[in-house]
Amino acid sequence: MFNLKLQDTDLCRLSKEAAETPLHLICSCPALMHKRSTLLGKHIMQPEDAKLLPARKVLLFLKATNACWEI
């Protein structure tokens, strides 16, 4: 959102704790911990583990969070 100039800051809209990057959303955003655990099997995920996830699971997670569709 920040890179698209749709926000004034790169701070995560959900957690307000870190830069809102795909890895932050998928791996460590505290606001998405429950959904991450339910859909991906871990509360917090290492980037190396995230890279091994099937694309289908990542897309289902991102769709369930609505994080990528709020443009």
C-alpha atoms as a PDB file:
ATOM      1  CA  MET A   1       0.000   0.000   0.000  1.00  0.00           C
ATOM      2  CA  PHE A   2       2.849   2.363   0.872  1.00  0.00           C
ATOM      3  CA  ASN A   3       4.684   1.541  -2.354  1.00  0.00           C
ATOM      4  CA  LEU A   4       1.491   2.216  -4.296  1.00  0.00           C
ATOM      5  CA  LYS A   5       1.266   5.618  -2.548  1.00  0.00           C
ATOM      6  CA  LEU A   6      -2.058   4.608  -0.969  1.00  0.00           C
ATOM      7  CA  GLN A   7      -0.685   5.079   2.567  1.00  0.00           C
ATOM      8  CA  ASP A   8       1.620   7.640   4.134  1.00  0.00           C
ATOM      9  CA  THR A   9       3.628   5.005   5.989  1.00  0.00           C
ATOM     10  CA  ASP A  10       4.771   1.436   5.434  1.00  0.00           C
ATOM     11  CA  LEU A  11       3.608   0.485   8.952  1.00  0.00           C
ATOM     12  CA  CYS A  12       1.317  -2.548   9.008  1.00  0.00           C
ATOM     13  CA  ARG A  13      -2.337  -1.481   8.971  1.00  0.00           C
ATOM     14  CA  LEU A  14      -3.273  -4.435  11.165  1.00  0.00           C
ATOM     15  CA  SER A  15      -0.627  -4.576  13.880  1.00  0.00           C
ATOM     16  CA  LYS A  16       0.999  -1.125  13.659  1.00  0.00           C
ATOM     17  CA  GLU A  17       4.233  -2.900  14.704  1.00  0.00           C
ATOM     18  CA  ALA A  18       6.344  -3.446  11.585  1.00  0.00           C
ATOM     19  CA  ALA A  19       6.533  -2.701   7.893  1.00  0.00           C
ATOM     20  CA  GLU A  20       3.614  -4.271   6.049  1.00  0.00           C
ATOM     21  CA  THR A  21       5.346  -6.729   3.768  1.00  0.00           C
ATOM     22  CA  PRO A  22       4.117 -10.051   2.411  1.00  0.00           C
ATOM     23  CA  LEU A  23       6.495 -11.865   4.783  1.00  0.00           C
ATOM     24  CA  HIS A  24       5.260  -9.848   7.765  1.00  0.00           C
ATOM     25  CA  LEU A  25       1.638 -10.738   6.973  1.00  0.00           C
ATOM     26  CA  ILE A  26       2.337 -14.408   6.286  1.00  0.00           C
ATOM     27  CA  CYS A  27       4.955 -15.022   8.989  1.00  0.00           C
ATOM     28  CA  SER A  28       4.667 -12.751  11.994  1.00  0.00           C
ATOM     29  CA  CYS A  29       1.851 -10.189  12.067  1.00  0.00           C
ATOM     30  CA  PRO A  30       0.367 -10.529  15.581  1.00  0.00           C
ATOM     31  CA  ALA A  31      -3.051  -9.460  14.328  1.00  0.00           C
ATOM     32  CA  LEU A  32      -3.156 -12.522  12.052  1.00  0.00           C
ATOM     33  CA  MET A  33      -1.822 -15.057  14.566  1.00  0.00           C
ATOM     34  CA  HIS A  34      -5.093 -16.967  15.000  1.00  0.00           C
ATOM     35  CA  LYS A  35      -5.798 -17.192  11.262  1.00  0.00           C
ATOM     36  CA  ARG A  36      -2.171 -18.144  10.590  1.00  0.00           C
ATOM     37  CA  SER A  37      -2.403 -20.932  13.152  1.00  0.00           C
ATOM     38  CA  THR A  38      -5.733 -22.168  11.821  1.00  0.00           C
ATOM     39  CA  LEU A  39      -4.899 -22.004   8.117  1.00  0.00           C
ATOM     40  CA  LEU A  40      -1.136 -22.519   8.016  1.00  0.00           C
ATOM     41  CA  GLY A  41      -0.568 -24.560  11.171  1.00  0.00           C
ATOM     42  CA  LYS A  42       1.747 -22.166  13.044  1.00  0.00           C
ATOM     43  CA  HIS A  43       1.241 -19.042  15.145  1.00  0.00           C
ATOM     44  CA  ILE A  44       4.532 -17.599  13.924  1.00  0.00           C
ATOM     45  CA  MET A  45       6.342 -18.851  10.865  1.00  0.00           C
ATOM     46  CA  GLN A  46       9.949 -18.517   9.778  1.00  0.00           C
ATOM     47  CA  PRO A  47      10.475 -17.060   6.278  1.00  0.00           C
ATOM     48  CA  GLU A  48      12.178 -20.319   5.255  1.00  0.00           C
ATOM     49  CA  ASP A  49       9.012 -22.236   6.199  1.00  0.00           C
ATOM     50  CA  ALA A  50       6.774 -19.753   4.393  1.00  0.00           C
ATOM     51  CA  LYS A  51       8.722 -20.280   1.177  1.00  0.00           C
ATOM     52  CA  LEU A  52       7.863 -23.992   1.330  1.00  0.00           C
ATOM     53  CA  LEU A  53       4.103 -23.443   1.629  1.00  0.00           C
ATOM     54  CA  PRO A  54       1.986 -24.452  -1.347  1.00  0.00           C
ATOM     55  CA  ALA A  55       0.774 -21.387  -3.254  1.00  0.00           C
ATOM     56  CA  ARG A  56      -2.830 -22.502  -2.690  1.00  0.00           C
ATOM     57  CA  LYS A  57      -2.425 -22.294   1.109  1.00  0.00           C
ATOM     58  CA  VAL A  58      -0.837 -18.852   0.899  1.00  0.00           C
ATOM     59  CA  LEU A  59      -3.643 -17.567  -1.323  1.00  0.00           C
ATOM     60  CA  LEU A  60      -6.314 -19.016   0.983  1.00  0.00           C
ATOM     61  CA  PHE A  61      -4.628 -17.360   3.970  1.00  0.00           C
ATOM     62  CA  LEU A  62      -4.339 -13.973   2.256  1.00  0.00           C
ATOM     63  CA  LYS A  63      -7.945 -14.171   1.070  1.00  0.00           C
ATOM     64  CA  ALA A  64      -9.156 -15.084   4.574  1.00  0.00           C
ATOM     65  CA  THR A  65      -7.312 -12.119   6.096  1.00  0.00           C
ATOM     66  CA  ASN A  66      -8.577  -9.592   3.528  1.00  0.00           C
ATOM     67  CA  ALA A  67      -5.206  -7.883   3.978  1.00  0.00           C
ATOM     68  CA  CYS A  68      -4.468  -7.796   0.271  1.00  0.00           C
ATOM     69  CA  TRP A  69      -7.912  -6.767  -0.914  1.00  0.00           C
ATOM     70  CA  GLU A  70      -8.315  -3.488   0.986  1.00  0.00           C
ATOM     71  CA  ILE A  71      -7.133  -1.230  -1.824  1.00  0.00           C
END
